[in-house]
N, C-alpha and C. Protein backbone atom coordinates (compact mmCIF):
# COMPACT_ATOMS: atom_id res chain seq x y z
N MET A 1 26.65 19.35 16.99
CA MET A 1 25.58 19.41 15.91
C MET A 1 24.50 20.32 16.69
N VAL A 2 23.97 21.32 15.82
CA VAL A 2 22.87 21.64 16.95
C VAL A 2 21.50 21.61 15.90
N LEU A 3 20.61 21.34 16.98
CA LEU A 3 19.43 21.04 16.74
C LEU A 3 18.44 22.07 16.42
N PRO A 4 17.49 21.79 15.22
CA PRO A 4 16.25 22.77 14.74
C PRO A 4 15.32 22.69 16.04
N ASN A 5 15.21 23.93 16.33
CA ASN A 5 13.96 23.95 17.07
C ASN A 5 12.70 23.43 16.78
N ASP A 6 12.57 23.04 15.63
CA ASP A 6 11.30 22.12 15.47
C ASP A 6 11.88 20.40 15.19
N LEU A 7 11.17 19.83 16.17
CA LEU A 7 11.69 18.48 16.28
C LEU A 7 11.20 17.55 15.11
N SER A 8 10.05 17.74 14.19
CA SER A 8 9.70 16.89 13.46
C SER A 8 10.78 17.51 12.00
N GLU A 9 11.11 18.88 12.25
CA GLU A 9 11.90 18.92 10.75
C GLU A 9 13.36 18.20 10.85
N TYR A 10 13.77 18.10 12.21
CA TYR A 10 14.64 17.41 12.14
C TYR A 10 14.81 15.89 11.92
N LEU A 11 13.59 15.41 12.42
CA LEU A 11 13.29 13.62 12.41
C LEU A 11 13.17 13.70 10.89
N ALA A 12 12.14 14.82 9.87
CA ALA A 12 12.29 14.34 8.53
C ALA A 12 13.46 14.40 7.76
N ARG A 13 14.58 15.31 8.20
CA ARG A 13 15.94 15.49 7.97
C ARG A 13 16.70 14.02 8.04
N LEU A 14 16.58 13.42 9.36
CA LEU A 14 17.15 12.09 9.53
C LEU A 14 16.59 11.12 8.62
N TYR A 15 14.81 11.08 8.57
CA TYR A 15 14.55 9.92 8.02
C TYR A 15 14.70 9.99 6.49
N ALA A 16 15.04 11.26 5.98
CA ALA A 16 15.44 11.01 4.16
C ALA A 16 16.45 11.15 3.87
N VAL A 17 17.56 10.12 4.93
CA VAL A 17 18.75 9.59 4.43
C VAL A 17 18.47 8.53 3.73
N VAL A 18 17.32 7.87 4.20
CA VAL A 18 16.69 6.45 3.64
C VAL A 18 15.44 6.61 2.80
N LYS A 19 15.86 6.66 1.42
CA LYS A 19 14.36 7.08 0.62
C LYS A 19 14.34 5.79 -0.03
N ARG A 20 12.89 4.94 0.45
CA ARG A 20 12.18 4.15 0.68
C ARG A 20 11.68 4.01 -1.22
N ARG A 21 11.85 2.84 -2.10
CA ARG A 21 10.55 2.66 -3.13
C ARG A 21 9.29 2.36 -2.74
N VAL A 22 8.69 2.50 -3.15
CA VAL A 22 7.20 2.07 -2.82
C VAL A 22 6.35 2.03 -3.76
N PHE A 23 5.42 0.95 -3.68
CA PHE A 23 4.21 0.78 -4.72
C PHE A 23 2.97 1.06 -4.13
N ILE A 24 2.12 1.71 -4.92
CA ILE A 24 0.89 2.12 -4.58
C ILE A 24 0.01 1.48 -5.11
N SER A 25 -0.99 0.49 -4.43
CA SER A 25 -2.07 -0.14 -4.91
C SER A 25 -3.22 0.34 -4.70
N TYR A 26 -3.88 0.77 -5.57
CA TYR A 26 -5.39 1.49 -5.32
C TYR A 26 -6.29 1.21 -6.47
N HIS A 27 -7.58 1.51 -6.34
CA HIS A 27 -8.99 1.81 -7.15
C HIS A 27 -8.87 3.00 -7.98
N HIS A 28 -8.23 2.82 -9.00
CA HIS A 28 -7.81 4.14 -10.05
C HIS A 28 -9.48 4.50 -10.33
N GLY A 29 -10.05 3.97 -10.65
CA GLY A 29 -11.41 4.62 -11.08
C GLY A 29 -12.19 5.12 -9.94
N GLY A 30 -11.93 5.08 -8.19
CA GLY A 30 -12.42 5.69 -7.21
C GLY A 30 -11.28 6.58 -6.43
N ASP A 31 -10.53 6.02 -6.55
CA ASP A 31 -9.58 6.91 -5.55
C ASP A 31 -8.34 7.47 -6.13
N GLN A 32 -8.37 7.91 -7.31
CA GLN A 32 -7.52 8.53 -8.07
C GLN A 32 -6.50 9.79 -7.13
N VAL A 33 -8.08 10.61 -6.69
CA VAL A 33 -7.82 11.92 -6.26
C VAL A 33 -7.17 11.74 -4.84
N TYR A 34 -7.04 10.59 -4.35
CA TYR A 34 -6.43 10.27 -2.83
C TYR A 34 -4.64 9.88 -3.42
N TYR A 35 -4.68 8.89 -4.49
CA TYR A 35 -3.81 8.77 -5.24
C TYR A 35 -2.79 10.05 -5.07
N ASP A 36 -3.45 10.93 -6.21
CA ASP A 36 -2.81 12.58 -6.13
C ASP A 36 -2.58 13.11 -5.22
N ALA A 37 -3.19 13.47 -4.32
CA ALA A 37 -2.71 13.70 -3.22
C ALA A 37 -1.67 13.05 -2.12
N PHE A 38 -1.42 12.02 -2.05
CA PHE A 38 -0.43 11.27 -1.70
C PHE A 38 0.81 11.42 -2.14
N SER A 39 1.20 11.76 -3.87
CA SER A 39 1.97 11.98 -4.64
C SER A 39 2.43 13.20 -4.06
N ARG A 40 1.93 14.17 -4.27
CA ARG A 40 2.03 15.40 -3.91
C ARG A 40 2.74 15.89 -2.63
N THR A 41 2.11 14.89 -1.68
CA THR A 41 2.82 15.54 -0.51
C THR A 41 4.31 14.67 -0.17
N PHE A 42 3.90 13.62 -0.69
CA PHE A 42 5.37 12.57 -0.49
C PHE A 42 6.49 12.48 -1.32
N HIS A 43 6.29 12.97 -2.51
CA HIS A 43 7.11 12.87 -3.78
C HIS A 43 8.81 12.97 -2.99
N ASP A 44 9.11 14.00 -2.34
CA ASP A 44 10.27 14.39 -2.00
C ASP A 44 10.71 13.16 -1.10
N GLY A 45 9.97 12.27 -0.21
CA GLY A 45 10.68 11.50 0.69
C GLY A 45 11.06 10.26 0.24
N TYR A 46 10.95 9.85 -1.28
CA TYR A 46 10.91 8.47 -1.80
C TYR A 46 11.43 8.65 -3.19
N GLU A 47 12.24 7.60 -3.28
CA GLU A 47 12.83 7.60 -4.73
C GLU A 47 12.01 7.52 -5.94
N ALA A 48 11.03 6.65 -5.57
CA ALA A 48 9.90 6.74 -6.58
C ALA A 48 8.52 6.13 -6.22
N ILE A 49 7.50 6.81 -6.86
CA ILE A 49 6.16 6.48 -6.28
C ILE A 49 5.60 5.88 -7.58
N PHE A 50 5.25 4.66 -7.77
CA PHE A 50 4.63 4.35 -9.11
C PHE A 50 3.13 4.66 -9.14
N ASP A 51 2.35 5.09 -10.16
CA ASP A 51 1.48 5.48 -10.78
C ASP A 51 1.14 4.70 -11.94
N ASN A 52 0.62 3.53 -11.90
CA ASN A 52 0.77 2.37 -12.90
C ASN A 52 -0.87 2.51 -12.77
N SER A 53 -1.77 1.92 -13.72
CA SER A 53 -3.09 1.33 -13.82
C SER A 53 -2.58 -0.07 -14.77
N LEU A 54 -2.57 -1.27 -13.81
CA LEU A 54 -1.45 -2.47 -14.51
C LEU A 54 -2.82 -2.83 -15.48
N GLU A 55 -4.33 -2.78 -14.91
CA GLU A 55 -5.33 -3.30 -16.06
C GLU A 55 -5.24 -2.61 -17.15
N ARG A 56 -4.65 -1.45 -17.02
CA ARG A 56 -4.68 -0.94 -18.92
C ARG A 56 -3.48 -1.23 -19.46
N GLN A 57 -2.23 -1.62 -18.75
CA GLN A 57 -1.20 -1.74 -19.02
C GLN A 57 -0.80 -3.33 -19.61
N ILE A 58 -1.32 -4.04 -18.73
CA ILE A 58 -1.15 -5.61 -18.93
C ILE A 58 -2.48 -6.30 -19.61
N ASP A 59 -2.46 -6.25 -20.75
CA ASP A 59 -3.77 -6.33 -21.31
C ASP A 59 -3.70 -8.15 -21.81
N SER A 60 -3.88 -8.48 -20.60
CA SER A 60 -4.04 -10.35 -20.78
C SER A 60 -4.85 -10.68 -19.51
N ASP A 61 -5.48 -11.82 -19.91
CA ASP A 61 -6.63 -12.67 -19.14
C ASP A 61 -5.55 -13.49 -18.64
N ASP A 62 -4.57 -14.22 -18.71
CA ASP A 62 -3.88 -15.33 -17.92
C ASP A 62 -3.18 -14.41 -16.60
N ALA A 63 -3.62 -14.99 -15.63
CA ALA A 63 -3.53 -14.59 -14.04
C ALA A 63 -2.37 -14.82 -14.24
N ASN A 64 -1.27 -15.78 -14.17
CA ASN A 64 0.17 -16.43 -13.97
C ASN A 64 0.72 -15.09 -14.85
N TYR A 65 0.78 -14.75 -15.64
CA TYR A 65 1.33 -14.26 -16.70
C TYR A 65 1.49 -12.86 -16.12
N VAL A 66 -0.11 -12.28 -15.77
CA VAL A 66 0.11 -10.70 -14.68
C VAL A 66 0.65 -10.81 -13.71
N MET A 67 0.51 -11.71 -13.22
CA MET A 67 1.32 -11.97 -11.86
C MET A 67 2.66 -11.90 -11.72
N GLN A 68 3.46 -12.51 -12.73
CA GLN A 68 4.73 -12.59 -12.97
C GLN A 68 5.11 -11.19 -13.44
N ARG A 69 4.51 -10.22 -13.92
CA ARG A 69 4.49 -9.23 -14.55
C ARG A 69 4.63 -8.38 -13.61
N ILE A 70 3.38 -8.55 -12.55
CA ILE A 70 3.42 -7.24 -11.80
C ILE A 70 4.71 -7.45 -10.83
N ARG A 71 4.77 -8.92 -10.44
CA ARG A 71 5.96 -9.04 -9.40
C ARG A 71 7.61 -8.18 -10.23
N ASP A 72 7.77 -8.48 -11.46
CA ASP A 72 8.47 -8.35 -12.07
C ASP A 72 9.17 -6.98 -12.11
N GLU A 73 8.08 -6.36 -12.82
CA GLU A 73 8.19 -5.03 -13.39
C GLU A 73 7.39 -3.84 -12.09
N PHE A 74 6.79 -4.25 -11.52
CA PHE A 74 6.42 -3.44 -10.62
C PHE A 74 6.72 -3.32 -9.31
N ILE A 75 6.55 -4.73 -8.48
CA ILE A 75 7.11 -4.74 -7.10
C ILE A 75 8.66 -5.19 -6.86
N SER A 76 9.12 -5.53 -7.73
CA SER A 76 10.61 -5.75 -7.57
C SER A 76 11.33 -4.28 -7.36
N GLY A 77 12.17 -4.27 -6.32
CA GLY A 77 12.81 -2.95 -6.16
C GLY A 77 12.19 -2.25 -5.37
N THR A 78 10.99 -2.52 -4.85
CA THR A 78 10.18 -1.58 -3.80
C THR A 78 10.86 -2.30 -2.40
N SER A 79 10.35 -1.46 -1.46
CA SER A 79 10.69 -1.67 0.08
C SER A 79 9.06 -2.16 0.80
N PHE A 80 8.28 -1.52 0.24
CA PHE A 80 6.81 -1.93 0.76
C PHE A 80 5.93 -1.24 -0.15
N THR A 81 4.35 -1.89 -0.16
CA THR A 81 3.45 -1.62 -0.71
C THR A 81 2.35 -0.77 0.33
N ILE A 82 1.79 0.18 -0.25
CA ILE A 82 0.73 0.95 0.32
C ILE A 82 -0.62 0.45 -0.51
N VAL A 83 -1.35 0.08 0.24
CA VAL A 83 -2.72 0.02 -0.19
C VAL A 83 -3.80 0.82 0.32
N LEU A 84 -4.20 2.05 -0.58
CA LEU A 84 -5.09 2.87 -0.41
C LEU A 84 -6.59 2.37 -0.43
N CYS A 85 -7.44 1.92 0.70
CA CYS A 85 -8.68 1.16 0.74
C CYS A 85 -9.74 2.63 0.77
N GLY A 86 -10.49 2.36 -0.52
CA GLY A 86 -11.63 3.28 -0.53
C GLY A 86 -12.75 2.36 -0.79
N ALA A 87 -13.84 3.16 -0.93
CA ALA A 87 -15.19 2.55 -1.48
C ALA A 87 -15.30 0.79 -1.92
N ASN A 88 -14.30 0.96 -3.08
CA ASN A 88 -14.78 -0.11 -4.13
C ASN A 88 -13.07 -1.28 -3.47
N THR A 89 -12.57 -0.88 -2.92
CA THR A 89 -10.81 -1.82 -3.23
C THR A 89 -10.96 -2.92 -2.80
N PRO A 90 -12.19 -3.54 -1.61
CA PRO A 90 -12.02 -4.79 -1.53
C PRO A 90 -12.58 -5.82 -2.69
N TRP A 91 -13.11 -4.93 -3.87
CA TRP A 91 -13.73 -5.77 -4.38
C TRP A 91 -12.70 -6.00 -6.37
N ARG A 92 -11.58 -5.21 -5.97
CA ARG A 92 -10.77 -5.13 -6.97
C ARG A 92 -9.90 -6.21 -7.26
N LYS A 93 -9.58 -7.00 -8.46
CA LYS A 93 -8.63 -8.12 -8.42
C LYS A 93 -7.26 -7.65 -8.77
N TYR A 94 -7.27 -6.69 -9.35
CA TYR A 94 -5.49 -6.43 -9.57
C TYR A 94 -5.18 -5.76 -7.94
N VAL A 95 -5.65 -5.07 -7.34
CA VAL A 95 -5.42 -4.79 -5.90
C VAL A 95 -5.13 -6.00 -5.05
N ASP A 96 -6.01 -6.93 -5.49
CA ASP A 96 -5.80 -8.35 -4.51
C ASP A 96 -4.51 -8.99 -5.33
N TRP A 97 -4.28 -9.19 -6.54
CA TRP A 97 -3.11 -9.30 -6.94
C TRP A 97 -1.80 -8.59 -7.05
N GLU A 98 -1.51 -7.50 -6.57
CA GLU A 98 -0.50 -7.02 -6.03
C GLU A 98 -0.52 -6.80 -4.69
N ILE A 99 -1.23 -6.80 -4.08
CA ILE A 99 -0.77 -7.81 -2.52
C ILE A 99 -0.24 -8.89 -2.44
N LYS A 100 -1.01 -9.76 -3.41
CA LYS A 100 -0.13 -11.20 -3.34
C LYS A 100 1.20 -11.35 -3.52
N ALA A 101 1.55 -10.36 -4.88
CA ALA A 101 2.66 -10.22 -5.46
C ALA A 101 3.62 -9.54 -4.41
N THR A 102 2.97 -8.56 -3.72
CA THR A 102 3.85 -7.87 -2.25
C THR A 102 4.45 -8.81 -1.59
N LEU A 103 3.47 -9.77 -1.02
CA LEU A 103 3.59 -10.91 0.24
C LEU A 103 4.47 -11.78 -0.32
N ASP A 104 3.78 -12.43 -1.60
CA ASP A 104 5.03 -13.60 -2.58
C ASP A 104 6.28 -12.70 -2.23
N LYS A 105 6.88 -11.36 -2.32
CA LYS A 105 8.05 -10.91 -2.22
C LYS A 105 8.70 -10.94 -0.81
N GLY A 106 7.69 -10.95 -0.24
CA GLY A 106 8.07 -10.76 1.38
C GLY A 106 7.80 -9.27 1.88
N HIS A 107 7.97 -8.38 1.23
CA HIS A 107 7.96 -7.20 1.10
C HIS A 107 6.85 -6.70 2.26
N GLY A 108 7.18 -5.36 2.60
CA GLY A 108 6.35 -4.89 3.79
C GLY A 108 4.98 -4.45 3.08
N ILE A 109 3.70 -4.09 3.93
CA ILE A 109 2.62 -3.70 3.59
C ILE A 109 1.70 -2.52 4.45
N ILE A 110 1.54 -1.63 3.68
CA ILE A 110 0.94 -0.78 4.57
C ILE A 110 -0.51 -0.11 4.00
N GLY A 111 -1.91 -0.84 5.04
CA GLY A 111 -2.89 -0.54 4.43
C GLY A 111 -3.79 1.15 5.06
N VAL A 112 -4.42 1.67 4.50
CA VAL A 112 -4.92 3.26 4.22
C VAL A 112 -6.29 3.02 4.50
N GLU A 113 -7.17 3.43 5.40
CA GLU A 113 -8.10 3.51 5.82
C GLU A 113 -8.27 4.91 4.62
N LEU A 114 -9.00 5.33 3.96
CA LEU A 114 -9.83 6.47 3.36
C LEU A 114 -10.84 6.72 3.67
N PRO A 115 -11.01 8.19 3.74
CA PRO A 115 -12.24 8.73 4.29
C PRO A 115 -13.37 8.05 3.66
N SER A 116 -13.17 7.45 2.28
CA SER A 116 -14.45 6.66 1.49
C SER A 116 -14.29 5.19 1.72
N CYS A 117 -13.51 4.90 2.61
CA CYS A 117 -13.66 3.63 2.90
C CYS A 117 -15.09 2.79 3.26
N ALA A 118 -15.43 1.92 2.69
CA ALA A 118 -16.67 1.47 2.90
C ALA A 118 -16.54 0.60 4.04
N LYS A 119 -17.72 0.56 5.09
CA LYS A 119 -18.09 0.08 6.42
C LYS A 119 -18.84 -1.18 6.39
N ASN A 120 -19.09 -2.20 6.98
CA ASN A 120 -19.93 -2.88 7.16
C ASN A 120 -20.76 -2.62 8.69
N PHE A 121 -21.74 -3.58 8.46
CA PHE A 121 -22.78 -3.10 9.59
C PHE A 121 -22.39 -2.86 10.96
N GLN A 122 -20.93 -3.65 11.33
CA GLN A 122 -20.86 -3.35 12.46
C GLN A 122 -19.35 -1.74 12.70
N SER A 123 -19.76 -1.20 11.36
CA SER A 123 -18.61 -0.08 11.10
C SER A 123 -17.35 -0.22 11.28
N GLN A 124 -17.05 -1.37 10.64
CA GLN A 124 -15.35 -1.90 10.77
C GLN A 124 -15.37 -1.84 9.16
N SER A 125 -14.09 -1.12 8.85
CA SER A 125 -13.34 -1.02 7.45
C SER A 125 -13.49 -2.14 6.44
N MET A 126 -14.06 -1.82 5.56
CA MET A 126 -14.15 -3.33 4.64
C MET A 126 -12.61 -3.04 3.80
N VAL A 127 -12.01 -3.93 3.56
CA VAL A 127 -10.97 -4.04 3.32
C VAL A 127 -10.25 -5.29 2.33
N PRO A 128 -9.67 -5.48 1.35
CA PRO A 128 -9.18 -6.29 0.49
C PRO A 128 -8.96 -7.79 1.61
N GLY A 129 -9.54 -8.79 1.16
CA GLY A 129 -9.36 -10.13 1.93
C GLY A 129 -7.96 -10.45 2.59
N ARG A 130 -7.32 -10.68 1.42
CA ARG A 130 -5.83 -10.41 1.90
C ARG A 130 -4.96 -9.70 2.56
N LEU A 131 -5.43 -8.50 2.45
CA LEU A 131 -4.64 -7.40 3.48
C LEU A 131 -5.22 -7.69 4.63
N PHE A 132 -6.47 -8.15 4.83
CA PHE A 132 -7.49 -8.23 6.08
C PHE A 132 -6.59 -9.48 6.59
N ASP A 133 -6.12 -10.55 6.16
CA ASP A 133 -5.81 -11.52 6.79
C ASP A 133 -4.58 -10.76 7.36
N ASN A 134 -3.71 -10.38 6.63
CA ASN A 134 -2.42 -9.68 7.69
C ASN A 134 -2.74 -8.77 8.03
N ILE A 135 -3.60 -7.75 8.27
CA ILE A 135 -4.02 -7.30 9.73
C ILE A 135 -4.02 -8.26 10.74
N GLN A 136 -4.65 -9.17 10.64
CA GLN A 136 -4.72 -9.74 11.76
C GLN A 136 -3.75 -10.74 12.20
N SER A 137 -2.98 -11.10 11.23
CA SER A 137 -1.39 -11.82 11.95
C SER A 137 -0.49 -10.91 12.11
N GLY A 138 -0.62 -9.66 12.05
CA GLY A 138 0.15 -8.64 12.56
C GLY A 138 1.38 -8.13 11.43
N TYR A 139 0.93 -8.76 10.57
CA TYR A 139 2.24 -8.88 9.62
C TYR A 139 2.29 -7.07 8.37
N ALA A 140 0.63 -6.76 8.40
CA ALA A 140 0.29 -5.22 7.55
C ALA A 140 0.37 -4.66 8.63
N VAL A 141 0.59 -3.39 8.52
CA VAL A 141 0.35 -2.24 9.37
C VAL A 141 -0.83 -1.52 8.97
N TRP A 142 -1.81 -0.70 9.70
CA TRP A 142 -2.95 -0.61 9.29
C TRP A 142 -3.10 1.07 9.64
N THR A 143 -3.17 2.14 9.09
CA THR A 143 -3.72 3.05 9.77
C THR A 143 -4.84 4.04 8.90
N THR A 144 -4.52 5.09 8.99
CA THR A 144 -6.06 6.24 8.65
C THR A 144 -4.93 7.30 7.72
N TRP A 145 -5.85 7.69 6.96
CA TRP A 145 -5.73 8.50 5.69
C TRP A 145 -5.03 9.86 6.53
N ALA A 146 -5.93 10.66 7.69
CA ALA A 146 -5.63 11.20 8.39
C ALA A 146 -4.62 11.39 9.02
N HIS A 147 -4.18 10.21 9.59
CA HIS A 147 -2.67 10.05 10.45
C HIS A 147 -2.03 9.89 9.43
N LEU A 148 -1.67 9.62 8.49
CA LEU A 148 -0.76 9.09 7.42
C LEU A 148 -0.45 10.91 6.77
N ILE A 149 -0.91 11.69 6.18
CA ILE A 149 -0.82 13.07 5.63
C ILE A 149 -0.55 14.14 6.67
N GLN A 150 -0.84 13.58 8.00
CA GLN A 150 -0.46 14.65 8.96
C GLN A 150 0.87 15.11 8.93
N ASN A 151 1.61 14.40 8.74
CA ASN A 151 3.22 14.66 8.69
C ASN A 151 3.83 13.28 7.95
N ILE A 152 4.74 13.88 7.24
CA ILE A 152 5.89 13.23 6.35
C ILE A 152 6.21 11.85 7.29
N VAL A 153 6.85 12.70 8.47
CA VAL A 153 7.37 11.45 9.26
C VAL A 153 6.35 10.24 9.56
N ASN A 154 5.26 10.70 9.66
CA ASN A 154 4.35 9.57 10.21
C ASN A 154 4.59 8.22 9.00
N LEU A 155 4.41 8.62 7.50
CA LEU A 155 4.86 7.81 6.18
C LEU A 155 6.07 6.76 6.67
N LYS A 156 7.40 7.59 7.12
CA LYS A 156 8.42 7.13 6.97
C LYS A 156 8.53 5.94 8.22
N THR A 157 8.09 6.69 9.10
CA THR A 157 7.92 5.40 10.67
C THR A 157 7.13 4.45 10.35
N LEU A 158 5.89 4.56 9.72
CA LEU A 158 4.85 3.29 9.25
C LEU A 158 5.80 2.22 8.30
N GLY A 159 6.52 3.19 7.29
CA GLY A 159 7.09 2.23 6.36
C GLY A 159 8.33 1.46 7.28
N GLU A 160 8.81 1.98 7.78
CA GLU A 160 10.05 1.29 8.70
C GLU A 160 9.49 0.08 9.66
N VAL A 161 8.31 0.31 9.93
CA VAL A 161 7.32 -0.44 10.97
C VAL A 161 7.60 -1.53 9.93
N ALA A 162 7.03 -1.39 8.93
CA ALA A 162 6.30 -2.40 7.88
C ALA A 162 7.70 -3.48 7.01
N VAL A 163 8.55 -2.72 6.71
CA VAL A 163 9.73 -3.49 6.28
C VAL A 163 10.33 -4.44 7.57
N ALA A 164 10.31 -4.32 9.00
CA ALA A 164 11.01 -4.92 9.78
C ALA A 164 10.03 -5.98 10.37
N LYS A 165 8.64 -6.08 9.92
CA LYS A 165 8.16 -7.29 10.43
C LYS A 165 8.63 -8.39 9.52
N SER A 166 8.80 -9.51 10.58
CA SER A 166 9.24 -10.67 10.02
C SER A 166 7.93 -11.40 9.03
N ALA A 167 8.61 -11.83 8.05
CA ALA A 167 7.68 -12.87 6.69
C ALA A 167 7.30 -14.00 7.56
N SER A 168 7.41 -14.32 9.03
CA SER A 168 6.64 -15.62 8.93
C SER A 168 5.60 -15.47 9.48
N SER A 169 4.74 -14.57 9.51
CA SER A 169 3.52 -13.84 10.03
C SER A 169 2.67 -13.54 8.74
N ILE A 170 2.95 -13.88 7.50
CA ILE A 170 2.79 -13.37 6.17
C ILE A 170 1.56 -14.88 6.10
N GLN A 171 0.01 -14.35 5.21
CA GLN A 171 -1.09 -14.95 5.70
C GLN A 171 -1.38 -14.74 3.88
N ASN A 172 -1.11 -16.02 2.95
CA ASN A 172 -1.20 -15.67 1.34
C ASN A 172 -2.02 -16.92 1.00
N SER A 173 -2.38 -17.47 1.61
CA SER A 173 -2.80 -18.93 1.05
C SER A 173 -4.59 -18.49 0.66
N ARG A 174 -5.34 -17.21 0.40
CA ARG A 174 -6.56 -16.87 -0.28
C ARG A 174 -6.30 -17.24 -1.70
N GLU A 175 -7.59 -17.97 -2.49
CA GLU A 175 -7.57 -17.85 -3.74
C GLU A 175 -7.24 -16.21 -4.60
N MET A 176 -6.66 -16.39 -5.35
CA MET A 176 -6.68 -15.20 -6.45
C MET A 176 -7.92 -14.38 -6.68
N MET A 177 -8.58 -13.34 -6.73
CA MET A 177 -9.48 -13.07 -7.39
C MET A 177 -9.59 -13.25 -8.68
N ALA A 178 -10.99 -14.19 -9.37
CA ALA A 178 -10.70 -14.07 -10.60
C ALA A 178 -11.08 -13.17 -11.54
N ARG A 179 -12.11 -12.35 -11.14
CA ARG A 179 -12.32 -10.70 -11.68
C ARG A 179 -13.01 -9.79 -10.36
N ASN A 180 -13.24 -9.05 -11.19
CA ASN A 180 -13.61 -7.63 -10.16
C ASN A 180 -15.25 -7.62 -10.00
N MET A 181 -15.72 -8.00 -8.57
CA MET A 181 -16.75 -7.89 -7.88
C MET A 181 -17.55 -6.35 -7.82
N THR A 182 -19.03 -6.53 -7.65
CA THR A 182 -19.56 -5.21 -7.56
C THR A 182 -20.21 -5.16 -6.54
N VAL A 183 -20.64 -4.16 -5.37
CA VAL A 183 -21.22 -4.50 -4.56
C VAL A 183 -22.58 -3.75 -5.01
């Protein structure tokens, strides 16, 4: 076998053998530009990348019904969820519900700190509470936007790490957000 001169090209071809299906969770009103850039960058490497604003698609106030629809129609069949964490992401109920549904299924989860990510007074990234719990437990993978888009191999590697995590470290006991919060 002849190896290409560029090792990253070789790794990209090697990783392309397994096309993972992913669900992308993000605040549509604030972070659409990052989703669009993500989709353009990674569309060839994945079987499906979902662009669904669930708030508009599922017209119901019944949290149990909405959760069932999220699990059955959007999370089922995926390998992991990517949570794009921008300025308002921690306070969006649908993002919380999508993370919960992902964890209920035992799927991998990757949190991505966007350049717009809010910071607290200690300069720590503000992320959805349920995601934070799983970063702390070691279940969720955490990365930055710059690292993610630097090379397609980075996402492939992070995805494989996320799906290999043991479900025994999942933390999913928080109450579901009942409504969006404002800051």
